Amino acid sequence: MPPINSLETTPDAGDSATAPKAAAGMLADFVEVLLPGDDSWPSGRAVGVQSILALRLLEQRGKADFVKVAEAGSTKRRGSPS
């Protein structure tokens, strides 16, 4: 696992349209699509799955893929075709 200081911020991959806060929100939206939850089980977003996913993406795939996944998840949540 990379040193903690390299994971202190959400990457923006140099794209001003994808600020750290927006990227984190998009990743949470993606988790909501994958694990929506129901009356008897909380959603992945509600239990914070997006934070573990973010760490794994950064560790294994890097900043560029983090943003790609976050943006793809946001598109899916809006119902746009892939």
N, C-alpha and C. Protein backbone atom coordinates (compact mmCIF):
# COMPACT_ATOMS: atom_id res chain seq x y z
N MET A 1 0.85 -1.18 0.00
CA MET A 1 0.00 0.00 0.00
C MET A 1 0.90 1.24 0.00
N PRO A 2 0.53 2.27 -0.78
CA PRO A 2 1.36 3.48 -0.81
C PRO A 2 1.34 4.20 0.53
N PRO A 3 2.34 5.03 0.76
CA PRO A 3 2.35 5.80 2.01
C PRO A 3 1.08 6.65 2.13
N ILE A 4 0.61 6.82 3.31
CA ILE A 4 -0.63 7.56 3.57
C ILE A 4 -0.59 8.96 2.99
N ASN A 5 0.54 9.63 3.03
CA ASN A 5 0.59 11.01 2.55
C ASN A 5 0.33 11.10 1.05
N SER A 6 0.54 10.04 0.28
CA SER A 6 0.24 10.09 -1.15
C SER A 6 -1.24 9.92 -1.42
N LEU A 7 -2.03 9.57 -0.41
CA LEU A 7 -3.47 9.36 -0.58
C LEU A 7 -4.31 10.41 0.14
N GLU A 8 -3.70 11.50 0.55
CA GLU A 8 -4.41 12.48 1.36
C GLU A 8 -5.45 13.28 0.60
N THR A 9 -5.36 13.36 -0.72
CA THR A 9 -6.35 14.12 -1.46
C THR A 9 -6.91 13.29 -2.59
N THR A 10 -8.12 13.62 -3.00
CA THR A 10 -8.73 12.98 -4.15
C THR A 10 -8.11 13.57 -5.40
N PRO A 11 -7.63 12.76 -6.32
CA PRO A 11 -6.97 13.30 -7.50
C PRO A 11 -7.95 13.95 -8.45
N ASP A 12 -7.46 14.93 -9.18
CA ASP A 12 -8.31 15.55 -10.20
C ASP A 12 -7.74 15.30 -11.59
N ALA A 13 -6.65 14.58 -11.70
CA ALA A 13 -6.02 14.21 -12.97
C ALA A 13 -5.77 15.40 -13.87
N GLY A 14 -5.60 16.58 -13.28
CA GLY A 14 -5.29 17.76 -14.07
C GLY A 14 -6.46 18.33 -14.82
N ASP A 15 -7.65 17.83 -14.61
CA ASP A 15 -8.83 18.30 -15.31
C ASP A 15 -9.61 19.21 -14.38
N SER A 16 -9.64 20.48 -14.69
CA SER A 16 -10.31 21.43 -13.80
C SER A 16 -11.81 21.17 -13.70
N ALA A 17 -12.38 20.49 -14.69
CA ALA A 17 -13.81 20.17 -14.65
C ALA A 17 -14.09 19.06 -13.63
N THR A 18 -13.06 18.31 -13.26
CA THR A 18 -13.23 17.22 -12.30
C THR A 18 -12.42 17.55 -11.06
N ALA A 19 -12.92 18.45 -10.26
CA ALA A 19 -12.26 18.85 -9.02
C ALA A 19 -12.34 17.69 -8.02
N PRO A 20 -11.47 17.68 -7.03
CA PRO A 20 -11.48 16.59 -6.05
C PRO A 20 -12.85 16.32 -5.43
N LYS A 21 -13.56 17.35 -5.04
CA LYS A 21 -14.88 17.15 -4.43
C LYS A 21 -15.85 16.52 -5.42
N ALA A 22 -15.79 16.97 -6.67
CA ALA A 22 -16.67 16.42 -7.70
C ALA A 22 -16.32 14.96 -7.99
N ALA A 23 -15.02 14.65 -8.06
CA ALA A 23 -14.60 13.28 -8.32
C ALA A 23 -15.06 12.35 -7.20
N ALA A 24 -14.97 12.79 -5.97
CA ALA A 24 -15.42 11.98 -4.84
C ALA A 24 -16.93 11.75 -4.91
N GLY A 25 -17.67 12.79 -5.28
CA GLY A 25 -19.12 12.66 -5.42
C GLY A 25 -19.49 11.71 -6.55
N MET A 26 -18.75 11.79 -7.66
CA MET A 26 -19.03 10.91 -8.79
C MET A 26 -18.75 9.45 -8.42
N LEU A 27 -17.70 9.22 -7.66
CA LEU A 27 -17.39 7.86 -7.23
C LEU A 27 -18.48 7.33 -6.29
N ALA A 28 -18.98 8.19 -5.42
CA ALA A 28 -20.07 7.79 -4.53
C ALA A 28 -21.33 7.47 -5.34
N ASP A 29 -21.57 8.24 -6.40
CA ASP A 29 -22.71 7.96 -7.29
C ASP A 29 -22.55 6.59 -7.94
N PHE A 30 -21.33 6.27 -8.37
CA PHE A 30 -21.05 4.99 -9.00
C PHE A 30 -21.33 3.84 -8.03
N VAL A 31 -20.89 3.98 -6.80
CA VAL A 31 -21.14 2.96 -5.79
C VAL A 31 -22.64 2.79 -5.55
N GLU A 32 -23.37 3.88 -5.59
CA GLU A 32 -24.83 3.83 -5.42
C GLU A 32 -25.49 3.00 -6.53
N VAL A 33 -24.96 3.10 -7.74
CA VAL A 33 -25.49 2.31 -8.86
C VAL A 33 -25.19 0.83 -8.66
N LEU A 34 -23.97 0.52 -8.22
CA LEU A 34 -23.57 -0.86 -8.05
C LEU A 34 -24.25 -1.54 -6.86
N LEU A 35 -24.39 -0.80 -5.77
CA LEU A 35 -24.95 -1.34 -4.53
C LEU A 35 -26.05 -0.41 -4.01
N PRO A 36 -27.23 -0.46 -4.65
CA PRO A 36 -28.28 0.51 -4.30
C PRO A 36 -28.93 0.32 -2.94
N GLY A 37 -28.88 -0.87 -2.40
CA GLY A 37 -29.54 -1.13 -1.12
C GLY A 37 -31.04 -1.25 -1.30
N ASP A 38 -31.72 -1.53 -0.21
CA ASP A 38 -33.18 -1.62 -0.23
C ASP A 38 -33.70 -1.39 1.19
N ASP A 39 -34.94 -1.79 1.45
CA ASP A 39 -35.54 -1.55 2.76
C ASP A 39 -34.81 -2.27 3.90
N SER A 40 -34.19 -3.40 3.57
CA SER A 40 -33.53 -4.17 4.64
C SER A 40 -32.01 -4.09 4.62
N TRP A 41 -31.42 -3.38 3.65
CA TRP A 41 -29.97 -3.33 3.54
C TRP A 41 -29.55 -1.94 3.07
N PRO A 42 -28.56 -1.32 3.71
CA PRO A 42 -28.15 0.02 3.29
C PRO A 42 -27.39 0.00 1.95
N SER A 43 -27.39 1.13 1.29
CA SER A 43 -26.65 1.24 0.03
C SER A 43 -25.14 1.26 0.30
N GLY A 44 -24.38 0.95 -0.73
CA GLY A 44 -22.93 1.01 -0.62
C GLY A 44 -22.46 2.42 -0.28
N ARG A 45 -23.12 3.41 -0.84
CA ARG A 45 -22.77 4.81 -0.56
C ARG A 45 -22.99 5.13 0.93
N ALA A 46 -24.10 4.64 1.48
CA ALA A 46 -24.42 4.94 2.88
C ALA A 46 -23.40 4.36 3.86
N VAL A 47 -22.80 3.23 3.50
CA VAL A 47 -21.83 2.62 4.40
C VAL A 47 -20.38 2.99 4.05
N GLY A 48 -20.19 3.79 3.02
CA GLY A 48 -18.86 4.31 2.71
C GLY A 48 -17.98 3.44 1.83
N VAL A 49 -18.58 2.58 1.03
CA VAL A 49 -17.81 1.71 0.15
C VAL A 49 -16.93 2.53 -0.79
N GLN A 50 -17.37 3.72 -1.16
CA GLN A 50 -16.61 4.54 -2.11
C GLN A 50 -15.22 4.90 -1.60
N SER A 51 -15.03 5.00 -0.30
CA SER A 51 -13.71 5.34 0.22
C SER A 51 -12.72 4.20 0.01
N ILE A 52 -13.15 2.96 0.22
CA ILE A 52 -12.29 1.81 -0.02
C ILE A 52 -12.03 1.65 -1.52
N LEU A 53 -13.06 1.86 -2.32
CA LEU A 53 -12.89 1.78 -3.77
C LEU A 53 -11.89 2.84 -4.25
N ALA A 54 -11.98 4.04 -3.72
CA ALA A 54 -11.05 5.12 -4.10
C ALA A 54 -9.61 4.73 -3.77
N LEU A 55 -9.39 4.21 -2.57
CA LEU A 55 -8.04 3.80 -2.18
C LEU A 55 -7.50 2.70 -3.10
N ARG A 56 -8.33 1.73 -3.40
CA ARG A 56 -7.90 0.63 -4.27
C ARG A 56 -7.62 1.13 -5.69
N LEU A 57 -8.48 1.98 -6.21
CA LEU A 57 -8.26 2.52 -7.55
C LEU A 57 -6.95 3.29 -7.63
N LEU A 58 -6.71 4.13 -6.65
CA LEU A 58 -5.48 4.92 -6.64
C LEU A 58 -4.25 4.03 -6.52
N GLU A 59 -4.35 3.04 -5.67
CA GLU A 59 -3.22 2.14 -5.43
C GLU A 59 -2.91 1.28 -6.65
N GLN A 60 -3.94 0.73 -7.26
CA GLN A 60 -3.73 -0.26 -8.31
C GLN A 60 -3.76 0.30 -9.73
N ARG A 61 -4.51 1.39 -9.95
CA ARG A 61 -4.68 1.88 -11.32
C ARG A 61 -4.18 3.30 -11.55
N GLY A 62 -4.04 4.08 -10.49
CA GLY A 62 -3.53 5.44 -10.64
C GLY A 62 -4.62 6.50 -10.78
N LYS A 63 -4.18 7.74 -10.83
CA LYS A 63 -5.10 8.88 -10.84
C LYS A 63 -6.00 8.92 -12.07
N ALA A 64 -5.45 8.63 -13.24
CA ALA A 64 -6.23 8.73 -14.47
C ALA A 64 -7.42 7.77 -14.46
N ASP A 65 -7.21 6.53 -14.02
CA ASP A 65 -8.30 5.58 -13.98
C ASP A 65 -9.31 5.91 -12.89
N PHE A 66 -8.86 6.53 -11.81
CA PHE A 66 -9.79 6.96 -10.77
C PHE A 66 -10.85 7.88 -11.37
N VAL A 67 -10.40 8.86 -12.13
CA VAL A 67 -11.31 9.83 -12.74
C VAL A 67 -12.19 9.15 -13.79
N LYS A 68 -11.63 8.24 -14.59
CA LYS A 68 -12.42 7.53 -15.59
C LYS A 68 -13.57 6.76 -14.95
N VAL A 69 -13.27 6.05 -13.87
CA VAL A 69 -14.30 5.27 -13.18
C VAL A 69 -15.35 6.20 -12.55
N ALA A 70 -14.90 7.26 -11.93
CA ALA A 70 -15.83 8.20 -11.30
C ALA A 70 -16.76 8.81 -12.34
N GLU A 71 -16.21 9.22 -13.48
CA GLU A 71 -17.03 9.82 -14.53
C GLU A 71 -17.97 8.80 -15.16
N ALA A 72 -17.52 7.57 -15.35
CA ALA A 72 -18.37 6.52 -15.90
C ALA A 72 -19.54 6.23 -14.97
N GLY A 73 -19.26 6.18 -13.69
CA GLY A 73 -20.33 5.94 -12.72
C GLY A 73 -21.33 7.06 -12.68
N SER A 74 -20.87 8.26 -12.81
CA SER A 74 -21.77 9.41 -12.82
C SER A 74 -22.67 9.37 -14.04
N THR A 75 -22.13 8.97 -15.18
CA THR A 75 -22.91 8.86 -16.41
C THR A 75 -23.97 7.78 -16.26
N LYS A 76 -23.62 6.64 -15.69
CA LYS A 76 -24.57 5.56 -15.48
C LYS A 76 -25.70 6.00 -14.56
N ARG A 77 -25.36 6.76 -13.53
CA ARG A 77 -26.38 7.19 -12.57
C ARG A 77 -27.40 8.12 -13.22
N ARG A 78 -26.93 8.95 -14.16
CA ARG A 78 -27.85 9.85 -14.86
C ARG A 78 -28.68 9.13 -15.89
N GLY A 79 -28.34 7.85 -16.17
CA GLY A 79 -29.12 7.08 -17.11
C GLY A 79 -28.69 7.25 -18.55
N SER A 80 -27.54 7.83 -18.79
CA SER A 80 -27.03 8.01 -20.14
C SER A 80 -26.49 6.68 -20.65
N PRO A 81 -26.51 6.50 -21.96
CA PRO A 81 -25.91 5.27 -22.50
C PRO A 81 -24.42 5.26 -22.29
N SER A 82 -23.81 4.07 -22.19
CA SER A 82 -22.37 3.99 -21.94
C SER A 82 -21.55 4.09 -23.20
